[in-house]
Amino acid sequence: MPGASSPPDNGRYGVLFDVDGTLIDSSYIHTLAWWGAFRQYGHDVPMAAIHHFVGMGGARLVDNLLPPDRDRSEDDDVMASHGALYASHWPSLRAFAGAKELLEQCHSDGLAVALASSARERDLQVMRSVLDADAFIDAATSSKDAEESKPAPDILAAAIKALGIDAANAVYVGDAVWDMKAAAALDIPAIGVTCGGISATELRAAGAVEVYESPRHLLENLGSSAIGRLLARGSN
């Protein structure tokens, strides 16, 4: 059952996937929602600055983008406003081409598959519906599963625990600098995808072992990727 956890199986291998910006085309929707939320509370923050921090948890993002001398009592209201604005775009959410097929291929190859997301639970449910790939997903996390958001590795650790595997037997796929840093904290090889709007140069500098344009591009090169190398280890 997705979300359930089991004792680590040292012989099992798995792939962890970020969702926002990696499997679902939502990074710029989050950017727009944060921009609107900030403006509602009198903060004019450029969208380019906001986009750079998308992928962090809300509290971290707000703290990085708003002045340190702000009225911090409004932070929760700003985050709630972002959530409401983002929810208004739920009908527009689309999976990237190849996302479902990538999850299906990893699953059929015998890998455990987890969505290592720090999204709100309801947002995650909506994105899972958009993906239409629950048959290929063994576990999933949301913001409630971590004390600290990315770049802290809590969400990845929770996903690994839910799959019942060792970190040494996992690969992570994400689109943000913060994804790469979270994986590095656990010594998990991280594959970057640029479909979330972050360049290959930035992702590599943050620790990505390789970078692809999209889920479809990764799927087309799966055998030679870090996921393919994980499969090769499992077959030896």
C-alpha atoms as a PDB file:
ATOM      1  CA  MET A   1       0.000   0.000   0.000  1.00  0.00           C
ATOM      2  CA  PRO A   2       1.480   3.391  -0.963  1.00  0.00           C
ATOM      3  CA  GLY A   3       2.818   5.197   2.060  1.00  0.00           C
ATOM      4  CA  ALA A   4       3.287   2.060   4.184  1.00  0.00           C
ATOM      5  CA  SER A   5       6.767   1.292   5.508  1.00  0.00           C
ATOM      6  CA  SER A   6       8.646  -1.955   6.037  1.00  0.00           C
ATOM      7  CA  PRO A   7      12.022  -3.032   7.449  1.00  0.00           C
ATOM      8  CA  PRO A   8      14.987  -2.372   5.126  1.00  0.00           C
ATOM      9  CA  ASP A   9      15.696  -5.102   2.581  1.00  0.00           C
ATOM     10  CA  ASN A  10      19.389  -4.841   1.676  1.00  0.00           C
ATOM     11  CA  GLY A  11      18.790  -6.671  -1.599  1.00  0.00           C
ATOM     12  CA  ARG A  12      16.007  -4.422  -2.870  1.00  0.00           C
ATOM     13  CA  TYR A  13      16.561  -1.428  -5.139  1.00  0.00           C
ATOM     14  CA  GLY A  14      14.405   1.625  -5.646  1.00  0.00           C
ATOM     15  CA  VAL A  15      13.924   4.947  -7.399  1.00  0.00           C
ATOM     16  CA  LEU A  16      12.636   8.064  -5.673  1.00  0.00           C
ATOM     17  CA  PHE A  17      10.917  10.738  -7.745  1.00  0.00           C
ATOM     18  CA  ASP A  18      10.257  14.338  -6.916  1.00  0.00           C
ATOM     19  CA  VAL A  19       6.857  15.326  -8.356  1.00  0.00           C
ATOM     20  CA  ASP A  20       6.461  19.101  -8.803  1.00  0.00           C
ATOM     21  CA  GLY A  21       8.532  20.146 -11.823  1.00  0.00           C
ATOM     22  CA  THR A  22       9.839  16.614 -12.326  1.00  0.00           C
ATOM     23  CA  LEU A  23       6.775  14.553 -13.238  1.00  0.00           C
ATOM     24  CA  ILE A  24       4.147  17.319 -13.205  1.00  0.00           C
ATOM     25  CA  ASP A  25       4.525  20.634 -15.088  1.00  0.00           C
ATOM     26  CA  SER A  26       3.876  22.825 -12.048  1.00  0.00           C
ATOM     27  CA  SER A  27       7.022  24.788 -11.178  1.00  0.00           C
ATOM     28  CA  TYR A  28       5.888  27.973 -12.874  1.00  0.00           C
ATOM     29  CA  ILE A  29       2.373  27.598 -11.465  1.00  0.00           C
ATOM     30  CA  HIS A  30       3.948  27.548  -7.993  1.00  0.00           C
ATOM     31  CA  THR A  31       5.993  30.601  -8.969  1.00  0.00           C
ATOM     32  CA  LEU A  32       2.868  32.483 -10.008  1.00  0.00           C
ATOM     33  CA  ALA A  33       0.997  31.415  -6.862  1.00  0.00           C
ATOM     34  CA  TRP A  34       3.831  32.595  -4.594  1.00  0.00           C
ATOM     35  CA  TRP A  35       4.080  35.871  -6.532  1.00  0.00           C
ATOM     36  CA  GLY A  36       0.368  36.494  -6.007  1.00  0.00           C
ATOM     37  CA  ALA A  37       0.524  35.534  -2.332  1.00  0.00           C
ATOM     38  CA  PHE A  38       3.440  37.887  -1.681  1.00  0.00           C
ATOM     39  CA  ARG A  39       1.674  40.756  -3.422  1.00  0.00           C
ATOM     40  CA  GLN A  40      -1.434  40.204  -1.308  1.00  0.00           C
ATOM     41  CA  TYR A  41       0.696  40.985   1.733  1.00  0.00           C
ATOM     42  CA  GLY A  42       2.569  43.925   0.231  1.00  0.00           C
ATOM     43  CA  HIS A  43       5.729  42.164  -0.944  1.00  0.00           C
ATOM     44  CA  ASP A  44       6.833  42.724  -4.552  1.00  0.00           C
ATOM     45  CA  VAL A  45       9.149  39.790  -5.247  1.00  0.00           C
ATOM     46  CA  PRO A  46      10.358  39.166  -8.828  1.00  0.00           C
ATOM     47  CA  MET A  47       9.156  35.899 -10.338  1.00  0.00           C
ATOM     48  CA  ALA A  48      12.700  34.917 -11.332  1.00  0.00           C
ATOM     49  CA  ALA A  49      13.777  35.083  -7.692  1.00  0.00           C
ATOM     50  CA  ILE A  50      10.770  33.038  -6.605  1.00  0.00           C
ATOM     51  CA  HIS A  51      11.340  30.333  -9.223  1.00  0.00           C
ATOM     52  CA  HIS A  52      14.885  29.763  -7.984  1.00  0.00           C
ATOM     53  CA  PHE A  53      13.532  28.702  -4.576  1.00  0.00           C
ATOM     54  CA  VAL A  54      10.590  26.596  -5.752  1.00  0.00           C
ATOM     55  CA  GLY A  55      11.214  23.082  -4.460  1.00  0.00           C
ATOM     56  CA  MET A  56      11.915  24.216  -0.921  1.00  0.00           C
ATOM     57  CA  GLY A  57       9.227  23.911   1.712  1.00  0.00           C
ATOM     58  CA  GLY A  58       6.981  26.949   2.084  1.00  0.00           C
ATOM     59  CA  ALA A  59       8.485  28.213   5.333  1.00  0.00           C
ATOM     60  CA  ARG A  60      12.036  28.029   3.949  1.00  0.00           C
ATOM     61  CA  LEU A  61      11.013  29.710   0.717  1.00  0.00           C
ATOM     62  CA  VAL A  62       9.283  32.574   2.521  1.00  0.00           C
ATOM     63  CA  ASP A  63      12.252  33.044   4.821  1.00  0.00           C
ATOM     64  CA  ASN A  64      14.659  33.216   1.878  1.00  0.00           C
ATOM     65  CA  LEU A  65      12.592  35.672  -0.146  1.00  0.00           C
ATOM     66  CA  LEU A  66      11.063  38.096   2.334  1.00  0.00           C
ATOM     67  CA  PRO A  67      12.938  40.754   4.372  1.00  0.00           C
ATOM     68  CA  PRO A  68      14.234  39.584   7.764  1.00  0.00           C
ATOM     69  CA  ASP A  69      12.554  42.556   9.456  1.00  0.00           C
ATOM     70  CA  ARG A  70       9.089  41.670   8.082  1.00  0.00           C
ATOM     71  CA  ASP A  71       6.046  40.992  10.250  1.00  0.00           C
ATOM     72  CA  ARG A  72       6.610  37.255  10.645  1.00  0.00           C
ATOM     73  CA  SER A  73       3.137  36.795  12.128  1.00  0.00           C
ATOM     74  CA  GLU A  74       1.870  36.980   8.525  1.00  0.00           C
ATOM     75  CA  ASP A  75       4.042  34.128   7.227  1.00  0.00           C
ATOM     76  CA  ASP A  76       1.396  31.461   7.785  1.00  0.00           C
ATOM     77  CA  ASP A  77      -1.177  33.618   6.005  1.00  0.00           C
ATOM     78  CA  VAL A  78       1.184  34.096   3.056  1.00  0.00           C
ATOM     79  CA  MET A  79       1.665  30.323   2.809  1.00  0.00           C
ATOM     80  CA  ALA A  80      -2.095  29.729   3.052  1.00  0.00           C
ATOM     81  CA  SER A  81      -2.631  32.259   0.262  1.00  0.00           C
ATOM     82  CA  HIS A  82      -0.094  30.453  -1.905  1.00  0.00           C
ATOM     83  CA  GLY A  83      -1.898  27.180  -1.256  1.00  0.00           C
ATOM     84  CA  ALA A  84      -5.247  28.654  -2.264  1.00  0.00           C
ATOM     85  CA  LEU A  85      -3.861  30.281  -5.405  1.00  0.00           C
ATOM     86  CA  TYR A  86      -2.085  27.070  -6.392  1.00  0.00           C
ATOM     87  CA  ALA A  87      -5.260  25.052  -5.846  1.00  0.00           C
ATOM     88  CA  SER A  88      -7.095  27.338  -8.256  1.00  0.00           C
ATOM     89  CA  HIS A  89      -4.760  25.992 -10.954  1.00  0.00           C
ATOM     90  CA  TRP A  90      -5.383  22.307 -10.230  1.00  0.00           C
ATOM     91  CA  PRO A  91      -7.466  21.877 -13.421  1.00  0.00           C
ATOM     92  CA  SER A  92      -4.476  23.107 -15.463  1.00  0.00           C
ATOM     93  CA  LEU A  93      -1.981  20.578 -14.085  1.00  0.00           C
ATOM     94  CA  ARG A  94      -0.494  18.203 -16.626  1.00  0.00           C
ATOM     95  CA  ALA A  95       2.022  15.388 -16.411  1.00  0.00           C
ATOM     96  CA  PHE A  96       5.160  15.763 -18.492  1.00  0.00           C
ATOM     97  CA  ALA A  97       5.298  13.545 -21.556  1.00  0.00           C
ATOM     98  CA  GLY A  98       6.733  10.173 -20.610  1.00  0.00           C
ATOM     99  CA  ALA A  99       6.210  10.587 -16.849  1.00  0.00           C
ATOM    100  CA  LYS A 100       3.724   7.746 -16.442  1.00  0.00           C
ATOM    101  CA  GLU A 101       5.685   5.531 -18.821  1.00  0.00           C
ATOM    102  CA  LEU A 102       8.897   6.167 -16.867  1.00  0.00           C
ATOM    103  CA  LEU A 103       7.257   5.065 -13.623  1.00  0.00           C
ATOM    104  CA  GLU A 104       5.793   2.042 -15.367  1.00  0.00           C
ATOM    105  CA  GLN A 105       9.160   1.001 -16.824  1.00  0.00           C
ATOM    106  CA  CYS A 106      10.966   1.335 -13.491  1.00  0.00           C
ATOM    107  CA  HIS A 107       8.241  -0.723 -11.826  1.00  0.00           C
ATOM    108  CA  SER A 108       8.221  -3.415 -14.517  1.00  0.00           C
ATOM    109  CA  ASP A 109      12.002  -3.655 -14.282  1.00  0.00           C
ATOM    110  CA  GLY A 110      11.589  -4.681 -10.647  1.00  0.00           C
ATOM    111  CA  LEU A 111      12.497  -1.433  -8.914  1.00  0.00           C
ATOM    112  CA  ALA A 112      10.519  -0.118  -5.969  1.00  0.00           C
ATOM    113  CA  VAL A 113       9.097   3.298  -6.889  1.00  0.00           C
ATOM    114  CA  ALA A 114       8.357   6.158  -4.498  1.00  0.00           C
ATOM    115  CA  LEU A 115       7.088   9.689  -4.943  1.00  0.00           C
ATOM    116  CA  ALA A 116       9.371  11.650  -2.613  1.00  0.00           C
ATOM    117  CA  SER A 117       7.277  14.806  -2.521  1.00  0.00           C
ATOM    118  CA  SER A 118       7.021  17.522   0.113  1.00  0.00           C
ATOM    119  CA  ALA A 119       3.753  18.827  -1.338  1.00  0.00           C
ATOM    120  CA  ARG A 120       0.692  19.276   0.825  1.00  0.00           C
ATOM    121  CA  GLU A 121      -1.312  16.064   1.102  1.00  0.00           C
ATOM    122  CA  ARG A 122      -4.234  17.372  -0.964  1.00  0.00           C
ATOM    123  CA  ASP A 123      -1.930  18.749  -3.664  1.00  0.00           C
ATOM    124  CA  LEU A 124      -0.190  15.374  -3.835  1.00  0.00           C
ATOM    125  CA  GLN A 125      -3.521  13.588  -4.238  1.00  0.00           C
ATOM    126  CA  VAL A 126      -4.397  15.855  -7.153  1.00  0.00           C
ATOM    127  CA  MET A 127      -1.001  15.309  -8.797  1.00  0.00           C
ATOM    128  CA  ARG A 128      -1.303  11.545  -8.390  1.00  0.00           C
ATOM    129  CA  SER A 129      -4.653  11.714 -10.128  1.00  0.00           C
ATOM    130  CA  VAL A 130      -3.053  13.679 -12.969  1.00  0.00           C
ATOM    131  CA  LEU A 131      -0.219  11.135 -13.234  1.00  0.00           C
ATOM    132  CA  ASP A 132      -2.672   8.209 -13.326  1.00  0.00           C
ATOM    133  CA  ALA A 133       0.154   5.871 -12.366  1.00  0.00           C
ATOM    134  CA  ASP A 134      -0.752   4.510  -8.918  1.00  0.00           C
ATOM    135  CA  ALA A 135      -0.341   0.940 -10.176  1.00  0.00           C
ATOM    136  CA  PHE A 136       3.395   1.628 -10.511  1.00  0.00           C
ATOM    137  CA  ILE A 137       3.911   3.531  -7.242  1.00  0.00           C
ATOM    138  CA  ASP A 138       4.861   1.629  -4.089  1.00  0.00           C
ATOM    139  CA  ALA A 139       5.020   4.555  -1.649  1.00  0.00           C
ATOM    140  CA  ALA A 140       4.548   8.308  -1.484  1.00  0.00           C
ATOM    141  CA  THR A 141       5.380  11.085   0.942  1.00  0.00           C
ATOM    142  CA  SER A 142       3.948  14.538   1.568  1.00  0.00           C
ATOM    143  CA  SER A 143       4.843  17.533   3.742  1.00  0.00           C
ATOM    144  CA  LYS A 144       3.493  15.781   6.837  1.00  0.00           C
ATOM    145  CA  ASP A 145       6.255  13.163   6.597  1.00  0.00           C
ATOM    146  CA  ALA A 146       9.186  15.512   7.248  1.00  0.00           C
ATOM    147  CA  GLU A 147      10.195  17.898  10.002  1.00  0.00           C
ATOM    148  CA  GLU A 148      12.554  19.820   7.707  1.00  0.00           C
ATOM    149  CA  SER A 149      11.985  20.541   4.022  1.00  0.00           C
ATOM    150  CA  LYS A 150      14.525  20.350   1.197  1.00  0.00           C
ATOM    151  CA  PRO A 151      17.443  20.860   1.001  1.00  0.00           C
ATOM    152  CA  ALA A 152      17.253  18.855   4.250  1.00  0.00           C
ATOM    153  CA  PRO A 153      16.988  15.154   3.339  1.00  0.00           C
ATOM    154  CA  ASP A 154      14.006  14.316   5.568  1.00  0.00           C
ATOM    155  CA  ILE A 155      11.556  13.640   2.725  1.00  0.00           C
ATOM    156  CA  LEU A 156      13.987  11.315   0.968  1.00  0.00           C
ATOM    157  CA  ALA A 157      14.680   9.481   4.199  1.00  0.00           C
ATOM    158  CA  ALA A 158      10.932   9.051   4.718  1.00  0.00           C
ATOM    159  CA  ALA A 159      10.493   7.689   1.192  1.00  0.00           C
ATOM    160  CA  ILE A 160      13.365   5.248   1.649  1.00  0.00           C
ATOM    161  CA  LYS A 161      11.859   4.043   4.908  1.00  0.00           C
ATOM    162  CA  ALA A 162       8.444   3.652   3.265  1.00  0.00           C
ATOM    163  CA  LEU A 163       9.953   1.502   0.515  1.00  0.00           C
ATOM    164  CA  GLY A 164      11.927  -0.575   2.983  1.00  0.00           C
ATOM    165  CA  ILE A 165      15.251  -0.157   1.193  1.00  0.00           C
ATOM    166  CA  ASP A 166      18.719   1.129   2.055  1.00  0.00           C
ATOM    167  CA  ALA A 167      19.829   4.552   0.829  1.00  0.00           C
ATOM    168  CA  ALA A 168      22.799   2.817  -0.821  1.00  0.00           C
ATOM    169  CA  ASN A 169      20.331   1.009  -3.098  1.00  0.00           C
ATOM    170  CA  ALA A 170      18.434   4.086  -4.278  1.00  0.00           C
ATOM    171  CA  VAL A 171      18.533   6.713  -7.033  1.00  0.00           C
ATOM    172  CA  TYR A 172      16.672  10.011  -6.890  1.00  0.00           C
ATOM    173  CA  VAL A 173      15.184  12.036  -9.753  1.00  0.00           C
ATOM    174  CA  GLY A 174      14.437  15.745  -9.281  1.00  0.00           C
ATOM    175  CA  ASP A 175      14.355  19.113 -11.016  1.00  0.00           C
ATOM    176  CA  ALA A 176      15.609  21.581  -8.399  1.00  0.00           C
ATOM    177  CA  VAL A 177      18.945  22.482  -6.854  1.00  0.00           C
ATOM    178  CA  TRP A 178      17.359  21.636  -3.498  1.00  0.00           C
ATOM    179  CA  ASP A 179      16.561  18.117  -4.714  1.00  0.00           C
ATOM    180  CA  MET A 180      20.195  17.534  -5.615  1.00  0.00           C
ATOM    181  CA  LYS A 181      21.397  18.834  -2.244  1.00  0.00           C
ATOM    182  CA  ALA A 182      18.899  16.675  -0.337  1.00  0.00           C
ATOM    183  CA  ALA A 183      20.089  13.562  -2.175  1.00  0.00           C
ATOM    184  CA  ALA A 184      23.726  14.447  -1.572  1.00  0.00           C
ATOM    185  CA  ALA A 185      23.058  14.608   2.169  1.00  0.00           C
ATOM    186  CA  LEU A 186      22.196  10.898   2.047  1.00  0.00           C
ATOM    187  CA  ASP A 187      24.836   9.973  -0.559  1.00  0.00           C
ATOM    188  CA  ILE A 188      22.097   9.036  -3.035  1.00  0.00           C
ATOM    189  CA  PRO A 189      22.940   9.524  -6.736  1.00  0.00           C
ATOM    190  CA  ALA A 190      20.648  12.238  -8.093  1.00  0.00           C
ATOM    191  CA  ILE A 191      19.439  12.553 -11.673  1.00  0.00           C
ATOM    192  CA  GLY A 192      18.418  16.052 -12.695  1.00  0.00           C
ATOM    193  CA  VAL A 193      15.748  17.005 -15.219  1.00  0.00           C
ATOM    194  CA  THR A 194      15.588  20.501 -16.693  1.00  0.00           C
ATOM    195  CA  CYS A 195      11.825  20.505 -17.382  1.00  0.00           C
ATOM    196  CA  GLY A 196      11.269  22.373 -14.106  1.00  0.00           C
ATOM    197  CA  GLY A 197      13.214  25.339 -15.454  1.00  0.00           C
ATOM    198  CA  ILE A 198      16.595  24.908 -13.731  1.00  0.00           C
ATOM    199  CA  SER A 199      19.587  24.611 -16.055  1.00  0.00           C
ATOM    200  CA  ALA A 200      21.760  21.540 -16.413  1.00  0.00           C
ATOM    201  CA  THR A 201      24.746  23.604 -15.273  1.00  0.00           C
ATOM    202  CA  GLU A 202      23.047  24.532 -12.001  1.00  0.00           C
ATOM    203  CA  LEU A 203      21.844  20.989 -11.387  1.00  0.00           C
ATOM    204  CA  ARG A 204      25.285  19.520 -11.994  1.00  0.00           C
ATOM    205  CA  ALA A 205      26.892  22.114  -9.728  1.00  0.00           C
ATOM    206  CA  ALA A 206      24.430  21.084  -6.997  1.00  0.00           C
ATOM    207  CA  GLY A 207      25.452  17.433  -7.333  1.00  0.00           C
ATOM    208  CA  ALA A 208      23.459  15.821 -10.165  1.00  0.00           C
ATOM    209  CA  VAL A 209      25.324  12.827 -11.573  1.00  0.00           C
ATOM    210  CA  GLU A 210      23.577  13.332 -14.924  1.00  0.00           C
ATOM    211  CA  VAL A 211      20.907  15.568 -16.395  1.00  0.00           C
ATOM    212  CA  TYR A 212      18.094  14.944 -18.876  1.00  0.00           C
ATOM    213  CA  GLU A 213      15.581  17.278 -20.474  1.00  0.00           C
ATOM    214  CA  SER A 214      12.441  15.502 -19.297  1.00  0.00           C
ATOM    215  CA  PRO A 215      10.972  12.217 -18.051  1.00  0.00           C
ATOM    216  CA  ARG A 216      10.678  11.086 -21.673  1.00  0.00           C
ATOM    217  CA  HIS A 217      14.343  11.881 -22.330  1.00  0.00           C
ATOM    218  CA  LEU A 218      15.345   9.893 -19.236  1.00  0.00           C
ATOM    219  CA  LEU A 219      13.105   7.002 -20.292  1.00  0.00           C
ATOM    220  CA  GLU A 220      14.734   6.945 -23.727  1.00  0.00           C
ATOM    221  CA  ASN A 221      18.155   6.678 -22.070  1.00  0.00           C
ATOM    222  CA  LEU A 222      17.167   4.567 -19.070  1.00  0.00           C
ATOM    223  CA  GLY A 223      19.615   1.747 -19.738  1.00  0.00           C
ATOM    224  CA  SER A 224      22.664   4.018 -19.680  1.00  0.00           C
ATOM    225  CA  SER A 225      21.420   6.179 -16.789  1.00  0.00           C
ATOM    226  CA  ALA A 226      22.075   5.887 -13.061  1.00  0.00           C
ATOM    227  CA  ILE A 227      18.789   3.950 -12.888  1.00  0.00           C
ATOM    228  CA  GLY A 228      20.116   1.525 -15.493  1.00  0.00           C
ATOM    229  CA  ARG A 229      23.308   1.091 -13.488  1.00  0.00           C
ATOM    230  CA  LEU A 230      21.175   0.389 -10.413  1.00  0.00           C
ATOM    231  CA  LEU A 231      19.315  -2.300 -12.350  1.00  0.00           C
ATOM    232  CA  ALA A 232      22.616  -3.806 -13.464  1.00  0.00           C
ATOM    233  CA  ARG A 233      23.744  -4.029  -9.841  1.00  0.00           C
ATOM    234  CA  GLY A 234      20.534  -5.777  -8.943  1.00  0.00           C
ATOM    235  CA  SER A 235      20.960  -8.372 -11.684  1.00  0.00           C
ATOM    236  CA  ASN A 236      24.503  -9.333 -10.637  1.00  0.00           C
END
